[in-house]
Amino acid sequence: MKSMIRGLYTAAGGMMVQVVRQETISNNLANVETSGFKHELDLQRAYQETNILQVPRSRQQRQLIGRMELGAVVDSMHTNFAPGSLVETNRSLDLAITGDGFFVIETPQGRRYTRSGAFTLDAQRYLVTEQGYRVVGSQGSLQLPAGEVQITAEGRIFVNNQAVGQLELVSFSDLQALRKEGSALWSAPGQEGAAFGGQVQQGYLEASNVQIAEEMGRMLTALRLYETNQRVLQAQDQLTGKAVTEIGAL
């Protein structure tokens, strides 16, 4: 009876893992067109293991055969920070970073970091993200006068050939320690961003690094695994019910 109940929990846990996987894949696919979006992958681990022992004639003769995992859980989320392809837009305020750096953004919750350079100007002519957060420069927020905007590979900003600011670009030693917020923002608890010496490309955006065909394949696998665990759960439930009925009749 104990092994039957254990089987119910194992199958149910397997279903829950596949639900999380489907949600992760769905989010990846929903952000295929999001500039600077980074593919996410759920990592699993065994949540319980037990020793498998021989069944001997006496307790003293029992020998360890091996270990058996009793289920799985989602352990953590891994972000793939591989660069996406560069898409030419010819917009003067669209920017892409080559290398592993980030733009610095000021939000109500503090500084955040992004790979998405889809910037625009607000009513006060501050350089802002699509969400309205101000882009940070070496001297604070970047307010641009009217005129033709040129941005160099080093992130220097010129308007009508006059220098008006410098983008602040940073990099991090431990990318997996960054915490994702929304589709393309990250916070960096416990980390100070180091000055980044990569290049900025004006008139380009970095595309999402999600591979559609790969994600669709992973989604089909997750659906099949969910259905398999569901059938196992139903079978275990029927066996448990039958065992309870027959034992109760004795």
C-alpha atoms as a PDB file:
ATOM      1  CA  MET A   1       0.000   0.000   0.000  1.00  0.00           C
ATOM      2  CA  LYS A   2       2.840   2.391   0.859  1.00  0.00           C
ATOM      3  CA  SER A   3       4.421   1.881  -2.570  1.00  0.00           C
ATOM      4  CA  MET A   4       1.057   2.580  -4.242  1.00  0.00           C
ATOM      5  CA  ILE A   5       0.647   5.876  -2.409  1.00  0.00           C
ATOM      6  CA  ARG A   6       4.251   6.728  -3.227  1.00  0.00           C
ATOM      7  CA  GLY A   7       3.459   6.074  -6.886  1.00  0.00           C
ATOM      8  CA  LEU A   8       0.557   8.541  -6.732  1.00  0.00           C
ATOM      9  CA  TYR A   9       2.833  11.282  -5.407  1.00  0.00           C
ATOM     10  CA  THR A  10       5.559  10.508  -7.945  1.00  0.00           C
ATOM     11  CA  ALA A  11       3.151  10.686 -10.888  1.00  0.00           C
ATOM     12  CA  ALA A  12       1.478  13.848  -9.573  1.00  0.00           C
ATOM     13  CA  GLY A  13       4.885  15.451  -9.068  1.00  0.00           C
ATOM     14  CA  GLY A  14       5.829  14.544 -12.619  1.00  0.00           C
ATOM     15  CA  MET A  15       2.680  16.242 -13.896  1.00  0.00           C
ATOM     16  CA  MET A  16       3.476  19.405 -11.929  1.00  0.00           C
ATOM     17  CA  VAL A  17       7.013  19.515 -13.350  1.00  0.00           C
ATOM     18  CA  GLN A  18       5.644  19.322 -16.888  1.00  0.00           C
ATOM     19  CA  VAL A  19       3.109  22.082 -16.166  1.00  0.00           C
ATOM     20  CA  VAL A  20       5.961  24.401 -15.137  1.00  0.00           C
ATOM     21  CA  ARG A  21       7.895  23.376 -18.244  1.00  0.00           C
ATOM     22  CA  GLN A  22       4.924  24.140 -20.491  1.00  0.00           C
ATOM     23  CA  GLU A  23       4.492  27.556 -18.839  1.00  0.00           C
ATOM     24  CA  THR A  24       8.194  28.328 -19.344  1.00  0.00           C
ATOM     25  CA  ILE A  25       8.093  27.284 -22.995  1.00  0.00           C
ATOM     26  CA  SER A  26       4.886  29.270 -23.571  1.00  0.00           C
ATOM     27  CA  ASN A  27       6.555  32.374 -22.143  1.00  0.00           C
ATOM     28  CA  ASN A  28       9.574  31.827 -24.396  1.00  0.00           C
ATOM     29  CA  LEU A  29       7.357  31.523 -27.464  1.00  0.00           C
ATOM     30  CA  ALA A  30       5.287  34.562 -26.465  1.00  0.00           C
ATOM     31  CA  ASN A  31       8.469  36.659 -26.439  1.00  0.00           C
ATOM     32  CA  VAL A  32       9.937  35.562 -29.764  1.00  0.00           C
ATOM     33  CA  GLU A  33       9.470  39.124 -31.061  1.00  0.00           C
ATOM     34  CA  THR A  34      10.601  40.857 -27.834  1.00  0.00           C
ATOM     35  CA  SER A  35      13.873  42.725 -28.292  1.00  0.00           C
ATOM     36  CA  GLY A  36      16.587  41.553 -25.907  1.00  0.00           C
ATOM     37  CA  PHE A  37      14.543  38.641 -24.532  1.00  0.00           C
ATOM     38  CA  LYS A  38      16.591  35.697 -23.277  1.00  0.00           C
ATOM     39  CA  HIS A  39      15.479  32.079 -23.475  1.00  0.00           C
ATOM     40  CA  GLU A  40      14.711  30.378 -20.149  1.00  0.00           C
ATOM     41  CA  LEU A  41      15.019  26.720 -19.210  1.00  0.00           C
ATOM     42  CA  ASP A  42      13.635  25.017 -16.102  1.00  0.00           C
ATOM     43  CA  LEU A  43      16.133  22.755 -14.329  1.00  0.00           C
ATOM     44  CA  GLN A  44      14.913  19.711 -12.408  1.00  0.00           C
ATOM     45  CA  ARG A  45      16.277  17.649  -9.541  1.00  0.00           C
ATOM     46  CA  ALA A  46      15.234  14.529  -7.674  1.00  0.00           C
ATOM     47  CA  TYR A  47      13.434  15.572  -4.499  1.00  0.00           C
ATOM     48  CA  GLN A  48      13.822  12.272  -2.679  1.00  0.00           C
ATOM     49  CA  GLU A  49      15.969   9.180  -3.025  1.00  0.00           C
ATOM     50  CA  THR A  50      15.945   5.854  -1.209  1.00  0.00           C
ATOM     51  CA  ASN A  51      18.261   2.876  -0.985  1.00  0.00           C
ATOM     52  CA  ILE A  52      17.322  -0.283  -2.876  1.00  0.00           C
ATOM     53  CA  LEU A  53      18.316  -3.355  -0.872  1.00  0.00           C
ATOM     54  CA  GLN A  54      18.305  -7.056  -1.667  1.00  0.00           C
ATOM     55  CA  VAL A  55      15.682  -9.166   0.052  1.00  0.00           C
ATOM     56  CA  PRO A  56      17.866 -11.742   1.862  1.00  0.00           C
ATOM     57  CA  ARG A  57      17.089 -14.604   4.167  1.00  0.00           C
ATOM     58  CA  SER A  58      18.323 -12.596   7.143  1.00  0.00           C
ATOM     59  CA  ARG A  59      18.642  -8.871   7.906  1.00  0.00           C
ATOM     60  CA  GLN A  60      22.419  -9.171   8.288  1.00  0.00           C
ATOM     61  CA  GLN A  61      22.792 -10.309   4.666  1.00  0.00           C
ATOM     62  CA  ARG A  62      21.059  -7.308   3.084  1.00  0.00           C
ATOM     63  CA  GLN A  63      23.212  -5.591   0.464  1.00  0.00           C
ATOM     64  CA  LEU A  64      22.793  -2.224  -1.212  1.00  0.00           C
ATOM     65  CA  ILE A  65      21.808  -2.560  -4.874  1.00  0.00           C
ATOM     66  CA  GLY A  66      21.618   1.141  -5.678  1.00  0.00           C
ATOM     67  CA  ARG A  67      19.599   4.316  -5.295  1.00  0.00           C
ATOM     68  CA  MET A  68      16.116   5.075  -6.612  1.00  0.00           C
ATOM     69  CA  GLU A  69      14.681   8.517  -7.234  1.00  0.00           C
ATOM     70  CA  LEU A  70      11.113   8.902  -6.011  1.00  0.00           C
ATOM     71  CA  GLY A  71      10.182  12.030  -7.919  1.00  0.00           C
ATOM     72  CA  ALA A  72      11.309  15.301  -9.435  1.00  0.00           C
ATOM     73  CA  VAL A  73      10.782  18.988  -8.777  1.00  0.00           C
ATOM     74  CA  VAL A  74      11.764  22.164 -10.605  1.00  0.00           C
ATOM     75  CA  ASP A  75      14.992  23.239  -8.946  1.00  0.00           C
ATOM     76  CA  SER A  76      15.725  26.568 -10.648  1.00  0.00           C
ATOM     77  CA  MET A  77      15.393  28.593 -13.823  1.00  0.00           C
ATOM     78  CA  HIS A  78      18.393  28.961 -16.116  1.00  0.00           C
ATOM     79  CA  THR A  79      18.659  31.928 -18.487  1.00  0.00           C
ATOM     80  CA  ASN A  80      20.487  31.512 -21.765  1.00  0.00           C
ATOM     81  CA  PHE A  81      22.347  34.802 -22.242  1.00  0.00           C
ATOM     82  CA  ALA A  82      23.660  33.929 -25.697  1.00  0.00           C
ATOM     83  CA  PRO A  83      23.301  36.981 -27.955  1.00  0.00           C
ATOM     84  CA  GLY A  84      20.398  37.185 -30.352  1.00  0.00           C
ATOM     85  CA  SER A  85      20.824  38.209 -33.966  1.00  0.00           C
ATOM     86  CA  LEU A  86      20.968  41.915 -34.833  1.00  0.00           C
ATOM     87  CA  VAL A  87      18.015  43.309 -36.765  1.00  0.00           C
ATOM     88  CA  GLU A  88      18.490  46.532 -38.706  1.00  0.00           C
ATOM     89  CA  THR A  89      15.737  49.115 -38.074  1.00  0.00           C
ATOM     90  CA  ASN A  90      17.410  52.368 -39.207  1.00  0.00           C
ATOM     91  CA  ARG A  91      15.823  54.153 -36.223  1.00  0.00           C
ATOM     92  CA  SER A  92      18.334  56.490 -34.586  1.00  0.00           C
ATOM     93  CA  LEU A  93      17.193  55.571 -31.057  1.00  0.00           C
ATOM     94  CA  ASP A  94      17.272  51.792 -31.589  1.00  0.00           C
ATOM     95  CA  LEU A  95      20.488  50.442 -30.104  1.00  0.00           C
ATOM     96  CA  ALA A  96      22.088  47.013 -29.828  1.00  0.00           C
ATOM     97  CA  ILE A  97      25.043  45.912 -27.713  1.00  0.00           C
ATOM     98  CA  THR A  98      27.692  43.563 -29.066  1.00  0.00           C
ATOM     99  CA  GLY A  99      29.164  41.556 -26.211  1.00  0.00           C
ATOM    100  CA  ASP A 100      27.743  40.673 -22.816  1.00  0.00           C
ATOM    101  CA  GLY A 101      26.938  44.170 -21.531  1.00  0.00           C
ATOM    102  CA  PHE A 102      23.684  45.797 -20.433  1.00  0.00           C
ATOM    103  CA  PHE A 103      22.044  49.196 -20.675  1.00  0.00           C
ATOM    104  CA  VAL A 104      21.289  50.749 -17.274  1.00  0.00           C
ATOM    105  CA  ILE A 105      17.677  51.753 -16.594  1.00  0.00           C
ATOM    106  CA  GLU A 106      16.191  53.777 -13.720  1.00  0.00           C
ATOM    107  CA  THR A 107      12.896  52.366 -12.401  1.00  0.00           C
ATOM    108  CA  PRO A 108      10.767  53.175  -9.324  1.00  0.00           C
ATOM    109  CA  GLN A 109      12.326  50.068  -7.715  1.00  0.00           C
ATOM    110  CA  GLY A 110      15.872  51.216  -8.436  1.00  0.00           C
ATOM    111  CA  ARG A 111      18.355  50.493 -11.188  1.00  0.00           C
ATOM    112  CA  ARG A 112      17.626  47.669 -13.566  1.00  0.00           C
ATOM    113  CA  TYR A 113      19.481  46.311 -16.583  1.00  0.00           C
ATOM    114  CA  THR A 114      18.377  45.375 -20.080  1.00  0.00           C
ATOM    115  CA  ARG A 115      19.637  44.149 -23.428  1.00  0.00           C
ATOM    116  CA  SER A 116      16.717  45.754 -25.231  1.00  0.00           C
ATOM    117  CA  GLY A 117      17.714  49.040 -26.837  1.00  0.00           C
ATOM    118  CA  ALA A 118      14.268  49.934 -28.207  1.00  0.00           C
ATOM    119  CA  PHE A 119      14.403  53.474 -26.845  1.00  0.00           C
ATOM    120  CA  THR A 120      12.375  56.601 -27.516  1.00  0.00           C
ATOM    121  CA  LEU A 121      11.989  60.138 -26.155  1.00  0.00           C
ATOM    122  CA  ASP A 122       9.311  61.127 -23.641  1.00  0.00           C
ATOM    123  CA  ALA A 123       7.513  64.492 -23.500  1.00  0.00           C
ATOM    124  CA  GLN A 124      10.514  66.077 -21.739  1.00  0.00           C
ATOM    125  CA  ARG A 125      12.868  64.547 -24.336  1.00  0.00           C
ATOM    126  CA  TYR A 126      14.428  62.103 -21.895  1.00  0.00           C
ATOM    127  CA  LEU A 127      15.683  58.880 -23.432  1.00  0.00           C
ATOM    128  CA  VAL A 128      13.349  56.155 -22.140  1.00  0.00           C
ATOM    129  CA  THR A 129      12.441  52.499 -22.610  1.00  0.00           C
ATOM    130  CA  GLU A 130       9.167  51.308 -24.131  1.00  0.00           C
ATOM    131  CA  GLN A 131       7.820  51.156 -20.559  1.00  0.00           C
ATOM    132  CA  GLY A 132       8.756  54.790 -19.914  1.00  0.00           C
ATOM    133  CA  TYR A 133      11.780  54.115 -17.670  1.00  0.00           C
ATOM    134  CA  ARG A 134      14.673  56.513 -18.125  1.00  0.00           C
ATOM    135  CA  VAL A 135      17.933  55.307 -19.618  1.00  0.00           C
ATOM    136  CA  VAL A 136      20.940  56.104 -17.420  1.00  0.00           C
ATOM    137  CA  GLY A 137      24.025  57.880 -18.702  1.00  0.00           C
ATOM    138  CA  SER A 138      27.349  58.584 -17.041  1.00  0.00           C
ATOM    139  CA  GLN A 139      25.869  61.791 -15.558  1.00  0.00           C
ATOM    140  CA  GLY A 140      22.366  60.518 -14.834  1.00  0.00           C
ATOM    141  CA  SER A 141      19.253  60.631 -17.022  1.00  0.00           C
ATOM    142  CA  LEU A 142      19.807  61.519 -20.670  1.00  0.00           C
ATOM    143  CA  GLN A 143      17.838  64.523 -21.915  1.00  0.00           C
ATOM    144  CA  LEU A 144      18.393  65.204 -25.613  1.00  0.00           C
ATOM    145  CA  PRO A 145      17.834  68.484 -27.442  1.00  0.00           C
ATOM    146  CA  ALA A 146      16.029  68.492 -30.768  1.00  0.00           C
ATOM    147  CA  GLY A 147      18.130  67.539 -33.744  1.00  0.00           C
ATOM    148  CA  GLU A 148      19.856  64.675 -35.506  1.00  0.00           C
ATOM    149  CA  VAL A 149      20.981  62.006 -33.030  1.00  0.00           C
ATOM    150  CA  GLN A 150      24.197  60.100 -33.561  1.00  0.00           C
ATOM    151  CA  ILE A 151      25.496  57.468 -31.142  1.00  0.00           C
ATOM    152  CA  THR A 152      29.010  56.109 -31.452  1.00  0.00           C
ATOM    153  CA  ALA A 153      30.192  52.554 -30.902  1.00  0.00           C
ATOM    154  CA  GLU A 154      31.480  53.669 -27.474  1.00  0.00           C
ATOM    155  CA  GLY A 155      28.025  54.949 -26.477  1.00  0.00           C
ATOM    156  CA  ARG A 156      28.733  58.672 -26.824  1.00  0.00           C
ATOM    157  CA  ILE A 157      25.642  60.641 -27.848  1.00  0.00           C
ATOM    158  CA  PHE A 158      25.782  63.570 -30.264  1.00  0.00           C
ATOM    159  CA  VAL A 159      22.943  65.829 -31.385  1.00  0.00           C
ATOM    160  CA  ASN A 160      23.703  67.989 -34.413  1.00  0.00           C
ATOM    161  CA  ASN A 161      27.369  67.032 -33.970  1.00  0.00           C
ATOM    162  CA  GLN A 162      27.423  68.329 -30.381  1.00  0.00           C
ATOM    163  CA  ALA A 163      28.255  65.885 -27.560  1.00  0.00           C
ATOM    164  CA  VAL A 164      25.320  65.709 -25.137  1.00  0.00           C
ATOM    165  CA  GLY A 165      25.862  62.531 -23.129  1.00  0.00           C
ATOM    166  CA  GLN A 166      27.376  59.111 -22.647  1.00  0.00           C
ATOM    167  CA  LEU A 167      25.440  55.865 -22.217  1.00  0.00           C
ATOM    168  CA  GLU A 168      26.290  53.893 -19.102  1.00  0.00           C
ATOM    169  CA  LEU A 169      27.028  50.289 -20.052  1.00  0.00           C
ATOM    170  CA  VAL A 170      27.835  47.577 -17.516  1.00  0.00           C
ATOM    171  CA  SER A 171      28.651  43.876 -17.390  1.00  0.00           C
ATOM    172  CA  PHE A 172      28.399  41.268 -14.621  1.00  0.00           C
ATOM    173  CA  SER A 173      30.703  38.442 -13.619  1.00  0.00           C
ATOM    174  CA  ASP A 174      27.838  36.106 -12.645  1.00  0.00           C
ATOM    175  CA  LEU A 175      25.000  36.369 -15.140  1.00  0.00           C
ATOM    176  CA  GLN A 176      23.003  33.541 -13.549  1.00  0.00           C
ATOM    177  CA  ALA A 177      22.787  35.550 -10.307  1.00  0.00           C
ATOM    178  CA  LEU A 178      20.755  38.227 -12.099  1.00  0.00           C
ATOM    179  CA  ARG A 179      17.027  38.177 -11.355  1.00  0.00           C
ATOM    180  CA  LYS A 180      14.649  38.522 -14.253  1.00  0.00           C
ATOM    181  CA  GLU A 181      11.841  41.060 -13.940  1.00  0.00           C
ATOM    182  CA  GLY A 182       9.315  41.063 -16.748  1.00  0.00           C
ATOM    183  CA  SER A 183      10.388  40.155 -20.249  1.00  0.00           C
ATOM    184  CA  ALA A 184      13.675  42.037 -20.634  1.00  0.00           C
ATOM    185  CA  LEU A 185      14.704  43.649 -17.330  1.00  0.00           C
ATOM    186  CA  TRP A 186      17.063  42.242 -14.710  1.00  0.00           C
ATOM    187  CA  SER A 187      18.060  43.268 -11.209  1.00  0.00           C
ATOM    188  CA  ALA A 188      21.485  42.486  -9.782  1.00  0.00           C
ATOM    189  CA  PRO A 189      21.195  41.822  -6.039  1.00  0.00           C
ATOM    190  CA  GLY A 190      24.608  41.683  -4.410  1.00  0.00           C
ATOM    191  CA  GLN A 191      26.464  42.565  -7.606  1.00  0.00           C
ATOM    192  CA  GLU A 192      28.033  45.783  -8.804  1.00  0.00           C
ATOM    193  CA  GLY A 193      28.081  46.195 -12.543  1.00  0.00           C
ATOM    194  CA  ALA A 194      31.551  46.692 -14.003  1.00  0.00           C
ATOM    195  CA  ALA A 195      32.232  49.162 -16.798  1.00  0.00           C
ATOM    196  CA  PHE A 196      31.629  47.459 -20.131  1.00  0.00           C
ATOM    197  CA  GLY A 197      33.975  48.032 -23.031  1.00  0.00           C
ATOM    198  CA  GLY A 198      31.887  46.508 -25.809  1.00  0.00           C
ATOM    199  CA  GLN A 199      30.263  48.318 -28.687  1.00  0.00           C
ATOM    200  CA  VAL A 200      26.904  49.919 -29.374  1.00  0.00           C
ATOM    201  CA  GLN A 201      25.326  49.694 -32.816  1.00  0.00           C
ATOM    202  CA  GLN A 202      22.893  52.464 -33.693  1.00  0.00           C
ATOM    203  CA  GLY A 203      19.912  51.605 -35.870  1.00  0.00           C
ATOM    204  CA  TYR A 204      19.837  47.959 -34.778  1.00  0.00           C
ATOM    205  CA  LEU A 205      17.986  45.881 -32.191  1.00  0.00           C
ATOM    206  CA  GLU A 206      19.013  42.570 -30.673  1.00  0.00           C
ATOM    207  CA  ALA A 207      16.377  39.958 -31.429  1.00  0.00           C
ATOM    208  CA  SER A 208      15.194  37.345 -28.943  1.00  0.00           C
ATOM    209  CA  ASN A 209      17.453  34.283 -28.830  1.00  0.00           C
ATOM    210  CA  VAL A 210      14.481  31.877 -28.660  1.00  0.00           C
ATOM    211  CA  GLN A 211      14.577  29.132 -31.313  1.00  0.00           C
ATOM    212  CA  ILE A 212      10.962  28.495 -32.330  1.00  0.00           C
ATOM    213  CA  ALA A 213      11.436  24.981 -33.752  1.00  0.00           C
ATOM    214  CA  GLU A 214      13.371  23.857 -30.684  1.00  0.00           C
ATOM    215  CA  GLU A 215      10.730  25.241 -28.319  1.00  0.00           C
ATOM    216  CA  MET A 216       7.887  23.601 -30.240  1.00  0.00           C
ATOM    217  CA  GLY A 217       9.700  20.272 -29.984  1.00  0.00           C
ATOM    218  CA  ARG A 218      10.179  20.751 -26.237  1.00  0.00           C
ATOM    219  CA  MET A 219       6.498  21.639 -25.867  1.00  0.00           C
ATOM    220  CA  LEU A 220       5.388  18.424 -27.611  1.00  0.00           C
ATOM    221  CA  THR A 221       7.710  16.392 -25.374  1.00  0.00           C
ATOM    222  CA  ALA A 222       6.348  18.110 -22.261  1.00  0.00           C
ATOM    223  CA  LEU A 223       2.766  17.399 -23.330  1.00  0.00           C
ATOM    224  CA  ARG A 224       3.538  13.712 -23.916  1.00  0.00           C
ATOM    225  CA  LEU A 225       5.287  13.403 -20.551  1.00  0.00           C
ATOM    226  CA  TYR A 226       2.358  15.086 -18.825  1.00  0.00           C
ATOM    227  CA  GLU A 227      -0.077  12.646 -20.434  1.00  0.00           C
ATOM    228  CA  THR A 228       2.148   9.691 -19.492  1.00  0.00           C
ATOM    229  CA  ASN A 229       2.258  10.760 -15.852  1.00  0.00           C
ATOM    230  CA  GLN A 230      -1.488  11.335 -15.943  1.00  0.00           C
ATOM    231  CA  ARG A 231      -2.106   7.768 -17.143  1.00  0.00           C
ATOM    232  CA  VAL A 232       0.242   6.416 -14.457  1.00  0.00           C
ATOM    233  CA  LEU A 233      -1.628   8.433 -11.823  1.00  0.00           C
ATOM    234  CA  GLN A 234      -4.980   7.075 -12.995  1.00  0.00           C
ATOM    235  CA  ALA A 235      -3.664   3.498 -12.989  1.00  0.00           C
ATOM    236  CA  GLN A 236      -2.179   3.902  -9.506  1.00  0.00           C
ATOM    237  CA  ASP A 237      -5.448   5.397  -8.273  1.00  0.00           C
ATOM    238  CA  GLN A 238      -7.423   2.442  -9.625  1.00  0.00           C
ATOM    239  CA  LEU A 239      -5.006  -0.063  -8.071  1.00  0.00           C
ATOM    240  CA  THR A 240      -5.126   1.721  -4.724  1.00  0.00           C
ATOM    241  CA  GLY A 241      -8.916   1.792  -4.777  1.00  0.00           C
ATOM    242  CA  LYS A 242      -9.055  -1.901  -5.657  1.00  0.00           C
ATOM    243  CA  ALA A 243      -6.595  -2.769  -2.893  1.00  0.00           C
ATOM    244  CA  VAL A 244      -8.579  -0.820  -0.299  1.00  0.00           C
ATOM    245  CA  THR A 245     -11.823  -2.495  -1.377  1.00  0.00           C
ATOM    246  CA  GLU A 246     -10.415  -6.024  -1.370  1.00  0.00           C
ATOM    247  CA  ILE A 247      -8.510  -5.628   1.893  1.00  0.00           C
ATOM    248  CA  GLY A 248     -11.596  -4.124   3.514  1.00  0.00           C
ATOM    249  CA  ALA A 249     -13.644  -7.140   2.406  1.00  0.00           C
ATOM    250  CA  LEU A 250     -11.359  -9.598   4.212  1.00  0.00           C
END
